[in-house]
Amino acid sequence: MSSSPRLPSRSFGSVAVAMVTPFHEDGSIDVDAGVAVATKLVDDGCDAVVVHGTTGESSTTHQPEKDELMRAVVDAVGERAMIIGGAGSNDTAHAVRIAQGAQRCGAQGLLVVSPYYNRPSQEGVYQHVVAVADSVDLPVMLYDIPGRTGVAFADETLDRLAQHPRILAVKDATGNVPAGFERMARTGLEYYSGDDALNFDWLAHGASGVVSVVGHVATGRYAEMVREVDAGDLPGAREVAARMRPVVAALMGNGQGAVMSKHALHLQGVIPSATVRLPLVAAPDDDIDNLAAVLREHGLLESERSSLGVSP
């Protein structure tokens, strides 16, 4: 007699999207467009939305506008998806203020990245995260992305942080799936893929889900991948991953996921402007043309979705 696969725990859902922060052409925040993006993502099948993460240009948005967008997203989709607030800074006191603002505005969880640029010791990383986690009553997902921050979570630091009652998960963008496989077993923390190119790899190794950038245009396909892994259909999930490879390359190949996601949403007619804030700049025309061609080929522009009957 066959038994159903044992599913991982999912404190932060299974398909989260690290949402862009739309701006008007003058650079001011466009709250209505932000609500439109969040609504599209949840309608397309995501069960968690990260607001003010790296893809949301968190380092160039400020507390009053962070609060305004968070409230609007919570009001729009907070009953249908978990809303996770990014609380990242290399200034611990600032990260605490961001976390408290997110909770005040209705966020249901936090994403806390290791402090960037100043490269603290592991003791400093530990104390930073605990200070943020202790400042609120929300579950916390750590964000391990040493390629951006310059400092990774060491094994002993993760072991210590895993003892905190509200630190439950890790978004891993280290690129090292075997290490994550060992860490999730050792610490009991839930692991989420933070690299769209490795979503299938992480899920096949027992990750709880994905925190995606490419999900802006393909939430439904990643939800399909999760369902197939849950059902034990790894060949089916692998086929989804293979179909998604060109889309991942078009959005993430140059490392500018925030920029390219806005161009994709603009091409789809979801947001009126692909404006980003300096130091980010718009993508070159050739990259946008390539992105449009890939989205069109894979049925991810609105007209093609309608004609092909393709879910996003």
C-alpha atoms as a PDB file:
ATOM      1  CA  MET A   1       0.000   0.000   0.000  1.00  0.00           C
ATOM      2  CA  SER A   2       1.474   3.360  -1.020  1.00  0.00           C
ATOM      3  CA  SER A   3       1.493   6.296   1.350  1.00  0.00           C
ATOM      4  CA  SER A   4       1.171   9.983   0.568  1.00  0.00           C
ATOM      5  CA  PRO A   5       4.382  12.038   0.618  1.00  0.00           C
ATOM      6  CA  ARG A   6       5.040  13.798   3.898  1.00  0.00           C
ATOM      7  CA  LEU A   7       4.763  17.527   3.270  1.00  0.00           C
ATOM      8  CA  PRO A   8       7.047  20.127   4.864  1.00  0.00           C
ATOM      9  CA  SER A   9       5.701  22.645   7.335  1.00  0.00           C
ATOM     10  CA  ARG A  10       4.942  26.021   5.745  1.00  0.00           C
ATOM     11  CA  SER A  11       4.763  28.913   8.174  1.00  0.00           C
ATOM     12  CA  PHE A  12       5.171  31.375   5.277  1.00  0.00           C
ATOM     13  CA  GLY A  13       3.103  29.659   2.612  1.00  0.00           C
ATOM     14  CA  SER A  14       4.494  27.734  -0.331  1.00  0.00           C
ATOM     15  CA  VAL A  15       4.701  30.280  -3.181  1.00  0.00           C
ATOM     16  CA  ALA A  16       5.709  33.758  -2.081  1.00  0.00           C
ATOM     17  CA  VAL A  17       6.613  36.617  -4.402  1.00  0.00           C
ATOM     18  CA  ALA A  18       9.100  39.336  -3.463  1.00  0.00           C
ATOM     19  CA  MET A  19       6.952  42.179  -4.769  1.00  0.00           C
ATOM     20  CA  VAL A  20       8.215  45.261  -6.607  1.00  0.00           C
ATOM     21  CA  THR A  21       7.371  48.723  -5.305  1.00  0.00           C
ATOM     22  CA  PRO A  22       5.816  50.653  -8.216  1.00  0.00           C
ATOM     23  CA  PHE A  23       6.650  54.335  -8.662  1.00  0.00           C
ATOM     24  CA  HIS A  24       5.114  57.115 -10.676  1.00  0.00           C
ATOM     25  CA  GLU A  25       7.330  58.544 -13.415  1.00  0.00           C
ATOM     26  CA  ASP A  26       8.425  61.313 -11.020  1.00  0.00           C
ATOM     27  CA  GLY A  27       9.750  58.667  -8.604  1.00  0.00           C
ATOM     28  CA  SER A  28       7.004  58.962  -5.998  1.00  0.00           C
ATOM     29  CA  ILE A  29       5.438  55.756  -4.750  1.00  0.00           C
ATOM     30  CA  ASP A  30       2.374  54.520  -6.647  1.00  0.00           C
ATOM     31  CA  VAL A  31       0.219  52.847  -4.003  1.00  0.00           C
ATOM     32  CA  ASP A  32      -2.634  52.037  -6.378  1.00  0.00           C
ATOM     33  CA  ALA A  33      -0.242  50.210  -8.708  1.00  0.00           C
ATOM     34  CA  GLY A  34       1.198  48.374  -5.718  1.00  0.00           C
ATOM     35  CA  VAL A  35      -2.266  47.148  -4.796  1.00  0.00           C
ATOM     36  CA  ALA A  36      -2.819  46.085  -8.412  1.00  0.00           C
ATOM     37  CA  VAL A  37       0.400  44.050  -8.374  1.00  0.00           C
ATOM     38  CA  ALA A  38      -0.402  42.385  -5.049  1.00  0.00           C
ATOM     39  CA  THR A  39      -3.927  41.548  -6.198  1.00  0.00           C
ATOM     40  CA  LYS A  40      -2.618  40.061  -9.464  1.00  0.00           C
ATOM     41  CA  LEU A  41      -0.104  37.912  -7.597  1.00  0.00           C
ATOM     42  CA  VAL A  42      -2.682  36.488  -5.210  1.00  0.00           C
ATOM     43  CA  ASP A  43      -5.216  35.994  -7.991  1.00  0.00           C
ATOM     44  CA  ASP A  44      -2.534  34.106  -9.931  1.00  0.00           C
ATOM     45  CA  GLY A  45      -1.912  31.709  -7.046  1.00  0.00           C
ATOM     46  CA  CYS A  46       0.676  32.980  -4.594  1.00  0.00           C
ATOM     47  CA  ASP A  47      -0.123  32.500  -0.918  1.00  0.00           C
ATOM     48  CA  ALA A  48       2.414  34.982   0.484  1.00  0.00           C
ATOM     49  CA  VAL A  49       3.668  38.408  -0.603  1.00  0.00           C
ATOM     50  CA  VAL A  50       6.893  40.044   0.559  1.00  0.00           C
ATOM     51  CA  VAL A  51       6.531  43.828   0.707  1.00  0.00           C
ATOM     52  CA  HIS A  52       9.685  45.978   0.920  1.00  0.00           C
ATOM     53  CA  GLY A  53      12.223  43.254   0.272  1.00  0.00           C
ATOM     54  CA  THR A  54      15.230  43.751  -1.988  1.00  0.00           C
ATOM     55  CA  THR A  55      13.060  43.485  -5.116  1.00  0.00           C
ATOM     56  CA  GLY A  56      10.832  46.147  -3.553  1.00  0.00           C
ATOM     57  CA  GLU A  57      13.811  48.544  -3.543  1.00  0.00           C
ATOM     58  CA  SER A  58      13.756  48.570   0.238  1.00  0.00           C
ATOM     59  CA  SER A  59      17.055  50.413   0.545  1.00  0.00           C
ATOM     60  CA  THR A  60      15.665  53.470  -1.288  1.00  0.00           C
ATOM     61  CA  THR A  61      12.176  53.649   0.227  1.00  0.00           C
ATOM     62  CA  HIS A  62      11.427  55.377   3.500  1.00  0.00           C
ATOM     63  CA  GLN A  63       9.293  54.716   6.551  1.00  0.00           C
ATOM     64  CA  PRO A  64       6.178  56.805   5.808  1.00  0.00           C
ATOM     65  CA  GLU A  65       5.851  55.386   2.282  1.00  0.00           C
ATOM     66  CA  LYS A  66       6.737  51.884   3.472  1.00  0.00           C
ATOM     67  CA  ASP A  67       3.865  52.126   5.944  1.00  0.00           C
ATOM     68  CA  GLU A  68       1.463  53.502   3.345  1.00  0.00           C
ATOM     69  CA  LEU A  69       2.082  50.681   0.880  1.00  0.00           C
ATOM     70  CA  MET A  70       2.043  48.003   3.584  1.00  0.00           C
ATOM     71  CA  ARG A  71      -1.351  49.149   4.877  1.00  0.00           C
ATOM     72  CA  ALA A  72      -2.791  49.204   1.373  1.00  0.00           C
ATOM     73  CA  VAL A  73      -1.517  45.710   0.496  1.00  0.00           C
ATOM     74  CA  VAL A  74      -2.744  44.267   3.793  1.00  0.00           C
ATOM     75  CA  ASP A  75      -6.168  45.816   3.241  1.00  0.00           C
ATOM     76  CA  ALA A  76      -6.316  44.495  -0.331  1.00  0.00           C
ATOM     77  CA  VAL A  77      -5.105  40.902   0.015  1.00  0.00           C
ATOM     78  CA  GLY A  78      -4.181  40.280   3.649  1.00  0.00           C
ATOM     79  CA  GLU A  79      -7.119  37.936   4.161  1.00  0.00           C
ATOM     80  CA  ARG A  80      -6.087  35.791   1.178  1.00  0.00           C
ATOM     81  CA  ALA A  81      -2.303  35.655   1.543  1.00  0.00           C
ATOM     82  CA  MET A  82       0.347  36.080   4.204  1.00  0.00           C
ATOM     83  CA  ILE A  83       1.898  39.551   4.014  1.00  0.00           C
ATOM     84  CA  ILE A  84       5.581  39.521   4.950  1.00  0.00           C
ATOM     85  CA  GLY A  85       7.404  42.765   5.644  1.00  0.00           C
ATOM     86  CA  GLY A  86      11.037  43.192   4.719  1.00  0.00           C
ATOM     87  CA  ALA A  87      12.996  44.513   7.706  1.00  0.00           C
ATOM     88  CA  GLY A  88      16.471  44.845   6.272  1.00  0.00           C
ATOM     89  CA  SER A  89      19.118  47.383   7.223  1.00  0.00           C
ATOM     90  CA  ASN A  90      22.762  47.498   8.255  1.00  0.00           C
ATOM     91  CA  ASP A  91      21.646  49.758  11.115  1.00  0.00           C
ATOM     92  CA  THR A  92      20.001  47.598  13.775  1.00  0.00           C
ATOM     93  CA  ALA A  93      17.954  50.449  15.234  1.00  0.00           C
ATOM     94  CA  HIS A  94      16.655  51.254  11.757  1.00  0.00           C
ATOM     95  CA  ALA A  95      15.759  47.609  11.103  1.00  0.00           C
ATOM     96  CA  VAL A  96      13.848  47.560  14.391  1.00  0.00           C
ATOM     97  CA  ARG A  97      11.855  50.652  13.357  1.00  0.00           C
ATOM     98  CA  ILE A  98      11.036  49.063   9.996  1.00  0.00           C
ATOM     99  CA  ALA A  99       9.922  45.842  11.710  1.00  0.00           C
ATOM    100  CA  GLN A 100       7.729  47.679  14.171  1.00  0.00           C
ATOM    101  CA  GLY A 101       6.222  49.739  11.362  1.00  0.00           C
ATOM    102  CA  ALA A 102       5.435  46.579   9.408  1.00  0.00           C
ATOM    103  CA  GLN A 103       3.682  45.014  12.399  1.00  0.00           C
ATOM    104  CA  ARG A 104       1.788  48.235  13.113  1.00  0.00           C
ATOM    105  CA  CYS A 105       0.520  48.259   9.525  1.00  0.00           C
ATOM    106  CA  GLY A 106      -0.721  44.666   9.623  1.00  0.00           C
ATOM    107  CA  ALA A 107       2.147  42.524   8.326  1.00  0.00           C
ATOM    108  CA  GLN A 108       1.882  38.903   9.394  1.00  0.00           C
ATOM    109  CA  GLY A 109       5.577  38.011   9.185  1.00  0.00           C
ATOM    110  CA  LEU A 110       9.045  39.479   8.712  1.00  0.00           C
ATOM    111  CA  LEU A 111      11.957  38.851   6.360  1.00  0.00           C
ATOM    112  CA  VAL A 112      15.253  39.803   8.045  1.00  0.00           C
ATOM    113  CA  VAL A 113      18.435  39.898   5.984  1.00  0.00           C
ATOM    114  CA  SER A 114      21.915  39.750   7.474  1.00  0.00           C
ATOM    115  CA  PRO A 115      23.382  43.261   7.886  1.00  0.00           C
ATOM    116  CA  TYR A 116      25.056  44.345   4.672  1.00  0.00           C
ATOM    117  CA  TYR A 117      28.150  46.393   3.792  1.00  0.00           C
ATOM    118  CA  ASN A 118      29.609  46.840   7.291  1.00  0.00           C
ATOM    119  CA  ARG A 119      30.330  43.081   7.497  1.00  0.00           C
ATOM    120  CA  PRO A 120      29.795  42.435  11.214  1.00  0.00           C
ATOM    121  CA  SER A 121      31.103  39.413  13.053  1.00  0.00           C
ATOM    122  CA  GLN A 122      28.826  36.419  13.483  1.00  0.00           C
ATOM    123  CA  GLU A 123      28.084  37.626  16.998  1.00  0.00           C
ATOM    124  CA  GLY A 124      27.007  40.934  15.487  1.00  0.00           C
ATOM    125  CA  VAL A 125      24.795  39.147  12.958  1.00  0.00           C
ATOM    126  CA  TYR A 126      23.211  37.128  15.755  1.00  0.00           C
ATOM    127  CA  GLN A 127      22.563  40.124  17.975  1.00  0.00           C
ATOM    128  CA  HIS A 128      21.163  42.156  15.066  1.00  0.00           C
ATOM    129  CA  VAL A 129      18.613  39.486  14.122  1.00  0.00           C
ATOM    130  CA  VAL A 130      17.566  38.835  17.713  1.00  0.00           C
ATOM    131  CA  ALA A 131      17.078  42.559  18.329  1.00  0.00           C
ATOM    132  CA  VAL A 132      14.753  42.765  15.329  1.00  0.00           C
ATOM    133  CA  ALA A 133      12.888  39.561  16.202  1.00  0.00           C
ATOM    134  CA  ASP A 134      12.431  40.650  19.822  1.00  0.00           C
ATOM    135  CA  SER A 135      11.004  44.019  18.793  1.00  0.00           C
ATOM    136  CA  VAL A 136       7.800  42.495  17.359  1.00  0.00           C
ATOM    137  CA  ASP A 137       5.429  39.567  17.829  1.00  0.00           C
ATOM    138  CA  LEU A 138       5.722  38.232  14.268  1.00  0.00           C
ATOM    139  CA  PRO A 139       7.234  35.031  12.862  1.00  0.00           C
ATOM    140  CA  VAL A 140      10.594  35.678  11.228  1.00  0.00           C
ATOM    141  CA  MET A 141      12.218  34.331   8.082  1.00  0.00           C
ATOM    142  CA  LEU A 142      15.970  34.911   7.811  1.00  0.00           C
ATOM    143  CA  TYR A 143      17.407  35.939   4.450  1.00  0.00           C
ATOM    144  CA  ASP A 144      20.809  34.451   3.619  1.00  0.00           C
ATOM    145  CA  ILE A 145      22.220  36.134   0.502  1.00  0.00           C
ATOM    146  CA  PRO A 146      25.957  36.662   0.993  1.00  0.00           C
ATOM    147  CA  GLY A 147      26.486  37.691  -2.617  1.00  0.00           C
ATOM    148  CA  ARG A 148      24.624  40.921  -1.837  1.00  0.00           C
ATOM    149  CA  THR A 149      25.335  41.420   1.858  1.00  0.00           C
ATOM    150  CA  GLY A 150      28.973  40.335   2.057  1.00  0.00           C
ATOM    151  CA  VAL A 151      28.253  38.219   5.141  1.00  0.00           C
ATOM    152  CA  ALA A 152      26.641  34.776   5.334  1.00  0.00           C
ATOM    153  CA  PHE A 153      24.916  33.103   8.249  1.00  0.00           C
ATOM    154  CA  ALA A 154      27.439  30.649   9.695  1.00  0.00           C
ATOM    155  CA  ASP A 155      26.272  27.216  10.829  1.00  0.00           C
ATOM    156  CA  GLU A 156      26.725  28.060  14.494  1.00  0.00           C
ATOM    157  CA  THR A 157      24.754  31.299  14.064  1.00  0.00           C
ATOM    158  CA  LEU A 158      21.848  29.471  12.438  1.00  0.00           C
ATOM    159  CA  ASP A 159      21.942  26.890  15.225  1.00  0.00           C
ATOM    160  CA  ARG A 160      21.620  29.669  17.818  1.00  0.00           C
ATOM    161  CA  LEU A 161      18.939  31.583  15.925  1.00  0.00           C
ATOM    162  CA  ALA A 162      16.896  28.402  15.441  1.00  0.00           C
ATOM    163  CA  GLN A 163      16.368  28.352  19.221  1.00  0.00           C
ATOM    164  CA  HIS A 164      14.436  31.635  19.064  1.00  0.00           C
ATOM    165  CA  PRO A 165      10.708  30.896  19.310  1.00  0.00           C
ATOM    166  CA  ARG A 166       9.724  33.206  16.434  1.00  0.00           C
ATOM    167  CA  ILE A 167      12.587  32.522  14.008  1.00  0.00           C
ATOM    168  CA  LEU A 168      11.070  29.776  11.890  1.00  0.00           C
ATOM    169  CA  ALA A 169      12.534  29.836   8.395  1.00  0.00           C
ATOM    170  CA  VAL A 170      15.364  30.773   6.035  1.00  0.00           C
ATOM    171  CA  LYS A 171      15.161  32.210   2.546  1.00  0.00           C
ATOM    172  CA  ASP A 172      18.342  30.782   1.059  1.00  0.00           C
ATOM    173  CA  ALA A 173      20.049  32.502  -1.855  1.00  0.00           C
ATOM    174  CA  THR A 174      23.506  31.069  -1.261  1.00  0.00           C
ATOM    175  CA  GLY A 175      23.311  28.765  -4.281  1.00  0.00           C
ATOM    176  CA  ASN A 176      24.380  25.845  -2.076  1.00  0.00           C
ATOM    177  CA  VAL A 177      21.471  23.403  -1.999  1.00  0.00           C
ATOM    178  CA  PRO A 178      23.400  20.507  -0.379  1.00  0.00           C
ATOM    179  CA  ALA A 179      24.428  22.740   2.540  1.00  0.00           C
ATOM    180  CA  GLY A 180      20.846  23.923   2.939  1.00  0.00           C
ATOM    181  CA  PHE A 181      19.612  20.319   2.886  1.00  0.00           C
ATOM    182  CA  GLU A 182      21.888  19.545   5.827  1.00  0.00           C
ATOM    183  CA  ARG A 183      21.008  22.761   7.640  1.00  0.00           C
ATOM    184  CA  MET A 184      17.255  22.284   7.454  1.00  0.00           C
ATOM    185  CA  ALA A 185      17.648  18.780   8.867  1.00  0.00           C
ATOM    186  CA  ARG A 186      19.965  19.918  11.646  1.00  0.00           C
ATOM    187  CA  THR A 187      18.163  23.085  12.753  1.00  0.00           C
ATOM    188  CA  GLY A 188      14.535  22.216  12.041  1.00  0.00           C
ATOM    189  CA  LEU A 189      14.141  25.571  10.289  1.00  0.00           C
ATOM    190  CA  GLU A 190      11.919  25.719   7.222  1.00  0.00           C
ATOM    191  CA  TYR A 191      13.854  26.504   4.047  1.00  0.00           C
ATOM    192  CA  TYR A 192      12.615  28.545   1.095  1.00  0.00           C
ATOM    193  CA  SER A 193      14.346  28.892  -2.242  1.00  0.00           C
ATOM    194  CA  GLY A 194      15.596  32.418  -2.800  1.00  0.00           C
ATOM    195  CA  ASP A 195      16.949  31.708  -6.279  1.00  0.00           C
ATOM    196  CA  ASP A 196      14.443  31.092  -9.071  1.00  0.00           C
ATOM    197  CA  ALA A 197      16.970  29.094 -11.089  1.00  0.00           C
ATOM    198  CA  LEU A 198      17.127  26.603  -8.195  1.00  0.00           C
ATOM    199  CA  ASN A 199      13.447  26.429  -7.196  1.00  0.00           C
ATOM    200  CA  PHE A 200      13.017  22.858  -8.375  1.00  0.00           C
ATOM    201  CA  ASP A 201      16.277  21.782  -6.740  1.00  0.00           C
ATOM    202  CA  TRP A 202      15.248  23.202  -3.378  1.00  0.00           C
ATOM    203  CA  LEU A 203      11.742  21.762  -3.516  1.00  0.00           C
ATOM    204  CA  ALA A 204      13.060  18.336  -4.464  1.00  0.00           C
ATOM    205  CA  HIS A 205      15.337  18.505  -1.403  1.00  0.00           C
ATOM    206  CA  GLY A 206      12.421  19.186   0.936  1.00  0.00           C
ATOM    207  CA  ALA A 207      12.178  22.981   1.003  1.00  0.00           C
ATOM    208  CA  SER A 208       8.889  24.404   2.200  1.00  0.00           C
ATOM    209  CA  GLY A 209       8.461  26.670  -0.787  1.00  0.00           C
ATOM    210  CA  VAL A 210       9.887  29.503  -2.853  1.00  0.00           C
ATOM    211  CA  VAL A 211      10.267  33.255  -2.449  1.00  0.00           C
ATOM    212  CA  SER A 212      10.288  34.206  -6.092  1.00  0.00           C
ATOM    213  CA  VAL A 213      11.005  37.223  -8.270  1.00  0.00           C
ATOM    214  CA  VAL A 214      10.020  35.500 -11.527  1.00  0.00           C
ATOM    215  CA  GLY A 215       6.704  34.777  -9.825  1.00  0.00           C
ATOM    216  CA  HIS A 216       5.656  38.287 -10.853  1.00  0.00           C
ATOM    217  CA  VAL A 217       4.868  36.769 -14.247  1.00  0.00           C
ATOM    218  CA  ALA A 218       4.622  33.044 -13.454  1.00  0.00           C
ATOM    219  CA  THR A 219       3.089  32.507 -10.028  1.00  0.00           C
ATOM    220  CA  GLY A 220       0.741  29.838 -11.334  1.00  0.00           C
ATOM    221  CA  ARG A 221       3.558  27.808 -12.820  1.00  0.00           C
ATOM    222  CA  TYR A 222       5.486  27.764  -9.560  1.00  0.00           C
ATOM    223  CA  ALA A 223       2.304  26.776  -7.735  1.00  0.00           C
ATOM    224  CA  GLU A 224       2.034  23.917 -10.221  1.00  0.00           C
ATOM    225  CA  MET A 225       5.635  22.911  -9.492  1.00  0.00           C
ATOM    226  CA  VAL A 226       4.934  22.837  -5.755  1.00  0.00           C
ATOM    227  CA  ARG A 227       1.797  20.730  -6.247  1.00  0.00           C
ATOM    228  CA  GLU A 228       3.697  18.210  -8.345  1.00  0.00           C
ATOM    229  CA  VAL A 229       6.545  17.910  -5.853  1.00  0.00           C
ATOM    230  CA  ASP A 230       3.993  17.493  -3.056  1.00  0.00           C
ATOM    231  CA  ALA A 231       2.360  14.681  -5.041  1.00  0.00           C
ATOM    232  CA  GLY A 232       5.708  12.985  -5.614  1.00  0.00           C
ATOM    233  CA  ASP A 233       5.660  13.763  -9.347  1.00  0.00           C
ATOM    234  CA  LEU A 234       9.256  14.920  -9.723  1.00  0.00           C
ATOM    235  CA  PRO A 235       9.332  14.402 -13.516  1.00  0.00           C
ATOM    236  CA  GLY A 236       6.307  16.676 -13.856  1.00  0.00           C
ATOM    237  CA  ALA A 237       7.875  19.336 -11.626  1.00  0.00           C
ATOM    238  CA  ARG A 238      11.148  19.042 -13.526  1.00  0.00           C
ATOM    239  CA  GLU A 239       9.297  19.685 -16.771  1.00  0.00           C
ATOM    240  CA  VAL A 240       7.839  22.890 -15.332  1.00  0.00           C
ATOM    241  CA  ALA A 241      11.340  23.959 -14.299  1.00  0.00           C
ATOM    242  CA  ALA A 242      12.633  23.278 -17.803  1.00  0.00           C
ATOM    243  CA  ARG A 243       9.856  25.376 -19.352  1.00  0.00           C
ATOM    244  CA  MET A 244      10.620  28.212 -16.961  1.00  0.00           C
ATOM    245  CA  ARG A 245      14.373  28.297 -17.636  1.00  0.00           C
ATOM    246  CA  PRO A 246      14.257  30.900 -20.465  1.00  0.00           C
ATOM    247  CA  VAL A 247      11.892  33.105 -18.450  1.00  0.00           C
ATOM    248  CA  VAL A 248      14.202  32.970 -15.433  1.00  0.00           C
ATOM    249  CA  ALA A 249      17.155  33.888 -17.645  1.00  0.00           C
ATOM    250  CA  ALA A 250      15.295  36.828 -19.183  1.00  0.00           C
ATOM    251  CA  LEU A 251      14.308  38.295 -15.814  1.00  0.00           C
ATOM    252  CA  MET A 252      17.285  37.339 -13.664  1.00  0.00           C
ATOM    253  CA  GLY A 253      20.197  36.771 -16.025  1.00  0.00           C
ATOM    254  CA  ASN A 254      21.805  40.149 -15.396  1.00  0.00           C
ATOM    255  CA  GLY A 255      21.071  40.202 -11.661  1.00  0.00           C
ATOM    256  CA  GLN A 256      18.561  43.048 -11.933  1.00  0.00           C
ATOM    257  CA  GLY A 257      15.372  41.300 -10.881  1.00  0.00           C
ATOM    258  CA  ALA A 258      13.737  44.464  -9.545  1.00  0.00           C
ATOM    259  CA  VAL A 259      14.337  46.306 -12.806  1.00  0.00           C
ATOM    260  CA  MET A 260      13.272  43.497 -15.109  1.00  0.00           C
ATOM    261  CA  SER A 261      10.208  42.574 -13.050  1.00  0.00           C
ATOM    262  CA  LYS A 262       8.931  46.128 -13.403  1.00  0.00           C
ATOM    263  CA  HIS A 263       9.512  46.029 -17.147  1.00  0.00           C
ATOM    264  CA  ALA A 264       7.644  42.703 -17.307  1.00  0.00           C
ATOM    265  CA  LEU A 265       4.680  44.056 -15.343  1.00  0.00           C
ATOM    266  CA  HIS A 266       4.676  47.160 -17.525  1.00  0.00           C
ATOM    267  CA  LEU A 267       4.666  45.008 -20.660  1.00  0.00           C
ATOM    268  CA  GLN A 268       1.723  43.092 -19.223  1.00  0.00           C
ATOM    269  CA  GLY A 269      -0.147  46.321 -18.507  1.00  0.00           C
ATOM    270  CA  VAL A 270      -0.238  45.695 -14.753  1.00  0.00           C
ATOM    271  CA  ILE A 271       1.667  48.875 -13.803  1.00  0.00           C
ATOM    272  CA  PRO A 272       1.702  52.176 -15.726  1.00  0.00           C
ATOM    273  CA  SER A 273       5.416  52.841 -15.281  1.00  0.00           C
ATOM    274  CA  ALA A 274       8.589  50.765 -14.915  1.00  0.00           C
ATOM    275  CA  THR A 275      10.329  53.601 -13.042  1.00  0.00           C
ATOM    276  CA  VAL A 276      13.026  52.640 -10.537  1.00  0.00           C
ATOM    277  CA  ARG A 277      14.970  54.780  -8.081  1.00  0.00           C
ATOM    278  CA  LEU A 278      18.669  55.458  -8.367  1.00  0.00           C
ATOM    279  CA  PRO A 279      21.090  53.821  -8.167  1.00  0.00           C
ATOM    280  CA  LEU A 280      18.938  51.411 -10.216  1.00  0.00           C
ATOM    281  CA  VAL A 281      18.244  52.485 -13.791  1.00  0.00           C
ATOM    282  CA  ALA A 282      16.002  51.205 -16.574  1.00  0.00           C
ATOM    283  CA  ALA A 283      17.180  48.206 -18.582  1.00  0.00           C
ATOM    284  CA  PRO A 284      18.639  48.711 -22.080  1.00  0.00           C
ATOM    285  CA  ASP A 285      16.147  48.490 -24.931  1.00  0.00           C
ATOM    286  CA  ASP A 286      17.703  45.240 -26.174  1.00  0.00           C
ATOM    287  CA  ASP A 287      17.065  43.570 -22.806  1.00  0.00           C
ATOM    288  CA  ILE A 288      13.460  44.776 -22.753  1.00  0.00           C
ATOM    289  CA  ASP A 289      12.899  43.546 -26.310  1.00  0.00           C
ATOM    290  CA  ASN A 290      14.331  40.153 -25.373  1.00  0.00           C
ATOM    291  CA  LEU A 291      12.151  40.005 -22.274  1.00  0.00           C
ATOM    292  CA  ALA A 292       9.041  40.787 -24.319  1.00  0.00           C
ATOM    293  CA  ALA A 293       9.942  38.102 -26.852  1.00  0.00           C
ATOM    294  CA  VAL A 294      10.455  35.472 -24.144  1.00  0.00           C
ATOM    295  CA  LEU A 295       7.221  36.367 -22.353  1.00  0.00           C
ATOM    296  CA  ARG A 296       5.343  36.253 -25.643  1.00  0.00           C
ATOM    297  CA  GLU A 297       6.863  32.893 -26.613  1.00  0.00           C
ATOM    298  CA  HIS A 298       5.867  31.391 -23.265  1.00  0.00           C
ATOM    299  CA  GLY A 299       2.338  32.779 -23.195  1.00  0.00           C
ATOM    300  CA  LEU A 300       3.037  35.249 -20.404  1.00  0.00           C
ATOM    301  CA  LEU A 301       1.740  38.425 -21.990  1.00  0.00           C
ATOM    302  CA  GLU A 302      -1.936  39.128 -21.482  1.00  0.00           C
ATOM    303  CA  SER A 303      -2.963  38.619 -25.121  1.00  0.00           C
ATOM    304  CA  GLU A 304      -1.022  35.365 -25.398  1.00  0.00           C
ATOM    305  CA  ARG A 305      -2.410  34.088 -22.081  1.00  0.00           C
ATOM    306  CA  SER A 306      -5.956  34.673 -23.309  1.00  0.00           C
ATOM    307  CA  SER A 307      -5.435  33.054 -26.705  1.00  0.00           C
ATOM    308  CA  LEU A 308      -3.502  30.062 -25.381  1.00  0.00           C
ATOM    309  CA  GLY A 309      -5.614  29.491 -22.281  1.00  0.00           C
ATOM    310  CA  VAL A 310      -2.406  29.502 -20.229  1.00  0.00           C
ATOM    311  CA  SER A 311      -2.445  30.129 -16.497  1.00  0.00           C
ATOM    312  CA  PRO A 312       0.233  32.608 -15.383  1.00  0.00           C
END
